[in-house]
Amino acid sequence: MESKRKELTRQYKDRKITGGIYLIKNSLGGKSVLGSTTDIQGSRNRFDFSRKTGMCADKRIEDEWKRLGADAFSFDVLEEIAKGAAQTDREFERDLADYKKLWLEKLSGDGEIIA
């Protein structure tokens, strides 16, 4: 039992951590939200859950979400970024914030982007 627990702990520590930059996009041309996360799959899962339940995925677009409905929004992964083996959580978060700034510059002119 103890060796199984140690093996599971090792697997957890050795797992590949993938963060990224995403856009919750309003397909009808209103506000869109640009975000960064240390867990891109978890963010996608939360968005999917929000759509299924009708709950707003992000408070900054709540008015449009209620007015237009959840189907007017999509979750688009703009870039996936793997955490480096020697990278600390703080360094990873800083790198993601830098990538988010670059994406905000790229997307300027594509409607109202909330970052």
N, C-alpha and C. Protein backbone atom coordinates (compact mmCIF):
# COMPACT_ATOMS: atom_id res chain seq x y z
N MET A 1 0.82 -1.21 0.00
CA MET A 1 0.00 0.00 0.00
C MET A 1 0.86 1.26 0.00
N GLU A 2 1.92 1.26 0.83
CA GLU A 2 2.79 2.43 0.92
C GLU A 2 3.51 2.69 -0.39
N SER A 3 3.97 1.62 -1.06
CA SER A 3 4.68 1.82 -2.33
C SER A 3 3.73 2.34 -3.41
N LYS A 4 2.47 1.92 -3.36
CA LYS A 4 1.46 2.42 -4.31
C LYS A 4 1.25 3.92 -4.10
N ARG A 5 1.18 4.32 -2.86
CA ARG A 5 0.99 5.73 -2.53
C ARG A 5 2.19 6.55 -3.00
N LYS A 6 3.39 6.04 -2.79
CA LYS A 6 4.59 6.74 -3.24
C LYS A 6 4.62 6.85 -4.75
N GLU A 7 4.21 5.80 -5.43
CA GLU A 7 4.17 5.81 -6.89
C GLU A 7 3.16 6.84 -7.39
N LEU A 8 2.00 6.89 -6.78
CA LEU A 8 0.99 7.88 -7.17
C LEU A 8 1.48 9.30 -6.91
N THR A 9 2.16 9.50 -5.81
CA THR A 9 2.71 10.81 -5.48
C THR A 9 3.76 11.22 -6.52
N ARG A 10 4.62 10.28 -6.89
CA ARG A 10 5.65 10.56 -7.90
C ARG A 10 5.01 10.90 -9.24
N GLN A 11 3.99 10.14 -9.63
CA GLN A 11 3.30 10.41 -10.89
C GLN A 11 2.67 11.80 -10.89
N TYR A 12 2.07 12.17 -9.76
CA TYR A 12 1.45 13.49 -9.65
C TYR A 12 2.50 14.59 -9.81
N LYS A 13 3.63 14.44 -9.14
CA LYS A 13 4.70 15.45 -9.22
C LYS A 13 5.33 15.51 -10.60
N ASP A 14 5.35 14.38 -11.30
CA ASP A 14 5.98 14.31 -12.62
C ASP A 14 5.03 14.64 -13.78
N ARG A 15 3.76 14.90 -13.48
CA ARG A 15 2.80 15.14 -14.55
C ARG A 15 3.17 16.41 -15.31
N LYS A 16 2.78 16.44 -16.55
CA LYS A 16 3.04 17.61 -17.39
C LYS A 16 1.98 18.66 -17.07
N ILE A 17 2.43 19.85 -16.73
CA ILE A 17 1.52 20.94 -16.42
C ILE A 17 1.47 21.85 -17.64
N THR A 18 0.26 22.06 -18.14
CA THR A 18 0.07 22.89 -19.32
C THR A 18 -0.87 24.04 -19.01
N GLY A 19 -0.34 25.22 -19.14
CA GLY A 19 -1.13 26.42 -18.99
C GLY A 19 -1.42 27.00 -20.37
N GLY A 20 -1.87 28.22 -20.39
CA GLY A 20 -2.10 28.81 -21.69
C GLY A 20 -2.84 30.13 -21.65
N ILE A 21 -3.08 30.60 -22.85
CA ILE A 21 -3.81 31.84 -23.08
C ILE A 21 -5.11 31.47 -23.79
N TYR A 22 -6.22 32.02 -23.33
CA TYR A 22 -7.51 31.70 -23.92
C TYR A 22 -8.33 32.96 -24.13
N LEU A 23 -9.34 32.82 -24.98
CA LEU A 23 -10.26 33.92 -25.25
C LEU A 23 -11.67 33.38 -25.12
N ILE A 24 -12.45 33.97 -24.22
CA ILE A 24 -13.89 33.68 -24.17
C ILE A 24 -14.49 34.69 -25.13
N LYS A 25 -14.85 34.19 -26.29
CA LYS A 25 -15.22 35.07 -27.41
C LYS A 25 -16.74 35.17 -27.56
N ASN A 26 -17.19 36.38 -27.74
CA ASN A 26 -18.58 36.65 -28.03
C ASN A 26 -18.74 36.59 -29.55
N SER A 27 -19.44 35.59 -30.03
CA SER A 27 -19.59 35.40 -31.48
C SER A 27 -20.46 36.48 -32.13
N LEU A 28 -21.15 37.25 -31.32
CA LEU A 28 -22.01 38.30 -31.86
C LEU A 28 -21.32 39.66 -31.85
N GLY A 29 -20.04 39.69 -31.56
CA GLY A 29 -19.27 40.92 -31.68
C GLY A 29 -19.20 41.80 -30.45
N GLY A 30 -19.68 41.36 -29.33
CA GLY A 30 -19.60 42.18 -28.12
C GLY A 30 -18.28 41.98 -27.40
N LYS A 31 -18.31 42.08 -26.09
CA LYS A 31 -17.11 41.95 -25.28
C LYS A 31 -16.60 40.50 -25.30
N SER A 32 -15.27 40.39 -25.33
CA SER A 32 -14.60 39.09 -25.20
C SER A 32 -13.58 39.20 -24.07
N VAL A 33 -13.28 38.09 -23.42
CA VAL A 33 -12.37 38.09 -22.29
C VAL A 33 -11.11 37.32 -22.66
N LEU A 34 -9.96 37.97 -22.49
CA LEU A 34 -8.66 37.34 -22.69
C LEU A 34 -8.14 36.93 -21.33
N GLY A 35 -7.74 35.67 -21.20
CA GLY A 35 -7.25 35.20 -19.92
C GLY A 35 -6.03 34.32 -20.05
N SER A 36 -5.35 34.15 -18.93
CA SER A 36 -4.23 33.22 -18.86
C SER A 36 -4.48 32.31 -17.66
N THR A 37 -3.97 31.09 -17.75
CA THR A 37 -4.20 30.12 -16.70
C THR A 37 -3.04 29.14 -16.63
N THR A 38 -2.80 28.62 -15.44
CA THR A 38 -1.78 27.59 -15.28
C THR A 38 -2.35 26.21 -15.57
N ASP A 39 -3.65 26.13 -15.82
CA ASP A 39 -4.31 24.85 -16.11
C ASP A 39 -5.35 25.07 -17.21
N ILE A 40 -4.91 24.97 -18.45
CA ILE A 40 -5.79 25.28 -19.58
C ILE A 40 -6.98 24.32 -19.65
N GLN A 41 -6.76 23.05 -19.36
CA GLN A 41 -7.87 22.09 -19.43
C GLN A 41 -8.89 22.37 -18.33
N GLY A 42 -8.43 22.74 -17.15
CA GLY A 42 -9.35 23.08 -16.07
C GLY A 42 -10.20 24.29 -16.41
N SER A 43 -9.59 25.28 -17.06
CA SER A 43 -10.34 26.48 -17.47
C SER A 43 -11.37 26.13 -18.53
N ARG A 44 -11.00 25.26 -19.45
CA ARG A 44 -11.96 24.82 -20.47
C ARG A 44 -13.13 24.06 -19.81
N ASN A 45 -12.82 23.21 -18.86
CA ASN A 45 -13.86 22.45 -18.17
C ASN A 45 -14.82 23.38 -17.42
N ARG A 46 -14.27 24.41 -16.76
CA ARG A 46 -15.13 25.38 -16.05
C ARG A 46 -16.04 26.12 -17.03
N PHE A 47 -15.49 26.49 -18.18
CA PHE A 47 -16.30 27.17 -19.19
C PHE A 47 -17.42 26.25 -19.68
N ASP A 48 -17.08 25.01 -20.00
CA ASP A 48 -18.10 24.05 -20.47
C ASP A 48 -19.19 23.85 -19.42
N PHE A 49 -18.78 23.76 -18.16
CA PHE A 49 -19.76 23.63 -17.07
C PHE A 49 -20.66 24.86 -17.00
N SER A 50 -20.06 26.03 -17.15
CA SER A 50 -20.83 27.28 -17.12
C SER A 50 -21.87 27.30 -18.24
N ARG A 51 -21.47 26.87 -19.42
CA ARG A 51 -22.42 26.85 -20.55
C ARG A 51 -23.57 25.88 -20.27
N LYS A 52 -23.25 24.71 -19.73
CA LYS A 52 -24.29 23.70 -19.47
C LYS A 52 -25.27 24.15 -18.41
N THR A 53 -24.79 24.88 -17.42
CA THR A 53 -25.64 25.30 -16.32
C THR A 53 -26.26 26.68 -16.53
N GLY A 54 -25.77 27.41 -17.55
CA GLY A 54 -26.27 28.75 -17.80
C GLY A 54 -25.65 29.81 -16.91
N MET A 55 -24.73 29.39 -16.05
CA MET A 55 -24.04 30.33 -15.16
C MET A 55 -22.98 31.06 -15.97
N CYS A 56 -22.75 32.31 -15.69
CA CYS A 56 -21.78 33.10 -16.43
C CYS A 56 -20.36 32.61 -16.15
N ALA A 57 -19.57 32.48 -17.20
CA ALA A 57 -18.20 31.99 -17.09
C ALA A 57 -17.25 33.05 -16.52
N ASP A 58 -17.60 34.31 -16.64
CA ASP A 58 -16.74 35.40 -16.17
C ASP A 58 -17.62 36.60 -15.84
N LYS A 59 -17.51 37.09 -14.64
CA LYS A 59 -18.38 38.19 -14.17
C LYS A 59 -18.27 39.44 -15.03
N ARG A 60 -17.15 39.62 -15.71
CA ARG A 60 -16.96 40.83 -16.51
C ARG A 60 -17.84 40.86 -17.75
N ILE A 61 -18.39 39.72 -18.14
CA ILE A 61 -19.28 39.67 -19.31
C ILE A 61 -20.68 39.19 -18.92
N GLU A 62 -20.97 39.25 -17.64
CA GLU A 62 -22.23 38.70 -17.13
C GLU A 62 -23.47 39.31 -17.79
N ASP A 63 -23.48 40.61 -18.01
CA ASP A 63 -24.65 41.25 -18.62
C ASP A 63 -24.90 40.70 -20.03
N GLU A 64 -23.85 40.61 -20.83
CA GLU A 64 -24.00 40.08 -22.18
C GLU A 64 -24.35 38.59 -22.16
N TRP A 65 -23.78 37.86 -21.23
CA TRP A 65 -24.06 36.43 -21.09
C TRP A 65 -25.55 36.21 -20.83
N LYS A 66 -26.10 37.02 -19.92
CA LYS A 66 -27.53 36.90 -19.59
C LYS A 66 -28.40 37.33 -20.77
N ARG A 67 -28.00 38.41 -21.43
CA ARG A 67 -28.80 38.95 -22.53
C ARG A 67 -28.75 38.07 -23.78
N LEU A 68 -27.57 37.56 -24.12
CA LEU A 68 -27.39 36.82 -25.36
C LEU A 68 -27.46 35.29 -25.19
N GLY A 69 -27.24 34.84 -23.98
CA GLY A 69 -27.23 33.41 -23.72
C GLY A 69 -25.84 32.81 -23.86
N ALA A 70 -25.65 31.69 -23.23
CA ALA A 70 -24.35 31.04 -23.20
C ALA A 70 -23.87 30.60 -24.58
N ASP A 71 -24.79 30.28 -25.47
CA ASP A 71 -24.40 29.81 -26.80
C ASP A 71 -23.74 30.88 -27.66
N ALA A 72 -23.81 32.13 -27.23
CA ALA A 72 -23.17 33.21 -27.98
C ALA A 72 -21.66 33.28 -27.69
N PHE A 73 -21.18 32.44 -26.77
CA PHE A 73 -19.78 32.51 -26.35
C PHE A 73 -19.07 31.19 -26.61
N SER A 74 -17.79 31.32 -26.93
CA SER A 74 -16.95 30.13 -27.13
C SER A 74 -15.66 30.30 -26.35
N PHE A 75 -15.02 29.17 -26.08
CA PHE A 75 -13.74 29.15 -25.38
C PHE A 75 -12.68 28.75 -26.39
N ASP A 76 -11.83 29.70 -26.74
CA ASP A 76 -10.80 29.45 -27.75
C ASP A 76 -9.43 29.47 -27.09
N VAL A 77 -8.69 28.38 -27.23
CA VAL A 77 -7.31 28.33 -26.73
C VAL A 77 -6.43 28.99 -27.79
N LEU A 78 -5.78 30.06 -27.40
CA LEU A 78 -4.92 30.78 -28.32
C LEU A 78 -3.50 30.21 -28.33
N GLU A 79 -3.06 29.75 -27.16
CA GLU A 79 -1.72 29.20 -27.06
C GLU A 79 -1.63 28.32 -25.81
N GLU A 80 -1.04 27.15 -25.98
CA GLU A 80 -0.77 26.26 -24.85
C GLU A 80 0.71 26.37 -24.53
N ILE A 81 1.02 26.43 -23.23
CA ILE A 81 2.40 26.60 -22.79
C ILE A 81 2.67 25.59 -21.69
N ALA A 82 3.68 24.75 -21.90
CA ALA A 82 4.05 23.74 -20.91
C ALA A 82 4.97 24.37 -19.87
N LYS A 83 4.75 24.02 -18.62
CA LYS A 83 5.61 24.50 -17.54
C LYS A 83 6.93 23.77 -17.62
N GLY A 84 8.02 24.52 -17.54
CA GLY A 84 9.35 23.93 -17.57
C GLY A 84 9.63 23.15 -16.31
N ALA A 85 10.45 22.12 -16.42
CA ALA A 85 10.76 21.25 -15.28
C ALA A 85 11.39 22.03 -14.12
N ALA A 86 12.25 22.99 -14.43
CA ALA A 86 12.93 23.76 -13.39
C ALA A 86 12.21 25.06 -13.05
N GLN A 87 11.09 25.30 -13.68
CA GLN A 87 10.36 26.56 -13.51
C GLN A 87 9.50 26.52 -12.25
N THR A 88 9.57 27.57 -11.45
CA THR A 88 8.70 27.65 -10.27
C THR A 88 7.30 28.07 -10.71
N ASP A 89 6.34 27.88 -9.81
CA ASP A 89 4.96 28.29 -10.12
C ASP A 89 4.90 29.79 -10.40
N ARG A 90 5.62 30.56 -9.62
CA ARG A 90 5.61 32.02 -9.80
C ARG A 90 6.22 32.40 -11.16
N GLU A 91 7.31 31.76 -11.54
CA GLU A 91 7.93 32.04 -12.84
C GLU A 91 6.97 31.68 -13.98
N PHE A 92 6.29 30.56 -13.82
CA PHE A 92 5.33 30.12 -14.83
C PHE A 92 4.20 31.13 -14.96
N GLU A 93 3.67 31.60 -13.84
CA GLU A 93 2.60 32.59 -13.86
C GLU A 93 3.07 33.89 -14.51
N ARG A 94 4.31 34.30 -14.23
CA ARG A 94 4.87 35.52 -14.83
C ARG A 94 5.01 35.37 -16.34
N ASP A 95 5.48 34.20 -16.78
CA ASP A 95 5.61 33.96 -18.22
C ASP A 95 4.24 34.01 -18.90
N LEU A 96 3.24 33.41 -18.26
CA LEU A 96 1.89 33.43 -18.81
C LEU A 96 1.36 34.86 -18.91
N ALA A 97 1.63 35.67 -17.90
CA ALA A 97 1.20 37.07 -17.93
C ALA A 97 1.86 37.82 -19.09
N ASP A 98 3.13 37.51 -19.35
CA ASP A 98 3.83 38.14 -20.48
C ASP A 98 3.22 37.72 -21.81
N TYR A 99 2.91 36.43 -21.95
CA TYR A 99 2.27 35.94 -23.17
C TYR A 99 0.90 36.59 -23.35
N LYS A 100 0.18 36.76 -22.25
CA LYS A 100 -1.14 37.39 -22.31
C LYS A 100 -1.03 38.82 -22.85
N LYS A 101 -0.01 39.56 -22.40
CA LYS A 101 0.20 40.93 -22.90
C LYS A 101 0.46 40.92 -24.40
N LEU A 102 1.27 39.96 -24.85
CA LEU A 102 1.54 39.86 -26.29
C LEU A 102 0.28 39.57 -27.08
N TRP A 103 -0.56 38.68 -26.55
CA TRP A 103 -1.82 38.37 -27.22
C TRP A 103 -2.76 39.55 -27.22
N LEU A 104 -2.76 40.33 -26.16
CA LEU A 104 -3.62 41.52 -26.11
C LEU A 104 -3.21 42.50 -27.21
N GLU A 105 -1.91 42.65 -27.42
CA GLU A 105 -1.43 43.51 -28.51
C GLU A 105 -1.85 42.96 -29.87
N LYS A 106 -1.72 41.64 -30.05
CA LYS A 106 -2.11 40.99 -31.31
C LYS A 106 -3.58 41.18 -31.62
N LEU A 107 -4.40 41.12 -30.59
CA LEU A 107 -5.85 41.17 -30.77
C LEU A 107 -6.42 42.58 -30.77
N SER A 108 -5.59 43.57 -30.51
CA SER A 108 -6.12 44.94 -30.49
C SER A 108 -6.72 45.24 -31.86
N GLY A 109 -7.89 45.80 -31.86
CA GLY A 109 -8.60 46.07 -33.11
C GLY A 109 -9.61 44.99 -33.45
N ASP A 110 -9.66 43.92 -32.67
CA ASP A 110 -10.62 42.82 -32.92
C ASP A 110 -11.85 42.93 -32.03
N GLY A 111 -12.34 44.12 -31.80
CA GLY A 111 -13.49 44.31 -30.92
C GLY A 111 -13.02 44.62 -29.51
N GLU A 112 -13.98 44.63 -28.59
CA GLU A 112 -13.65 44.96 -27.20
C GLU A 112 -13.14 43.74 -26.47
N ILE A 113 -11.86 43.77 -26.09
CA ILE A 113 -11.22 42.68 -25.38
C ILE A 113 -10.97 43.13 -23.94
N ILE A 114 -11.48 42.36 -23.00
CA ILE A 114 -11.25 42.63 -21.59
C ILE A 114 -10.14 41.70 -21.14
N ALA A 115 -9.10 42.28 -20.56
CA ALA A 115 -7.96 41.45 -20.12
C ALA A 115 -7.86 41.44 -18.61
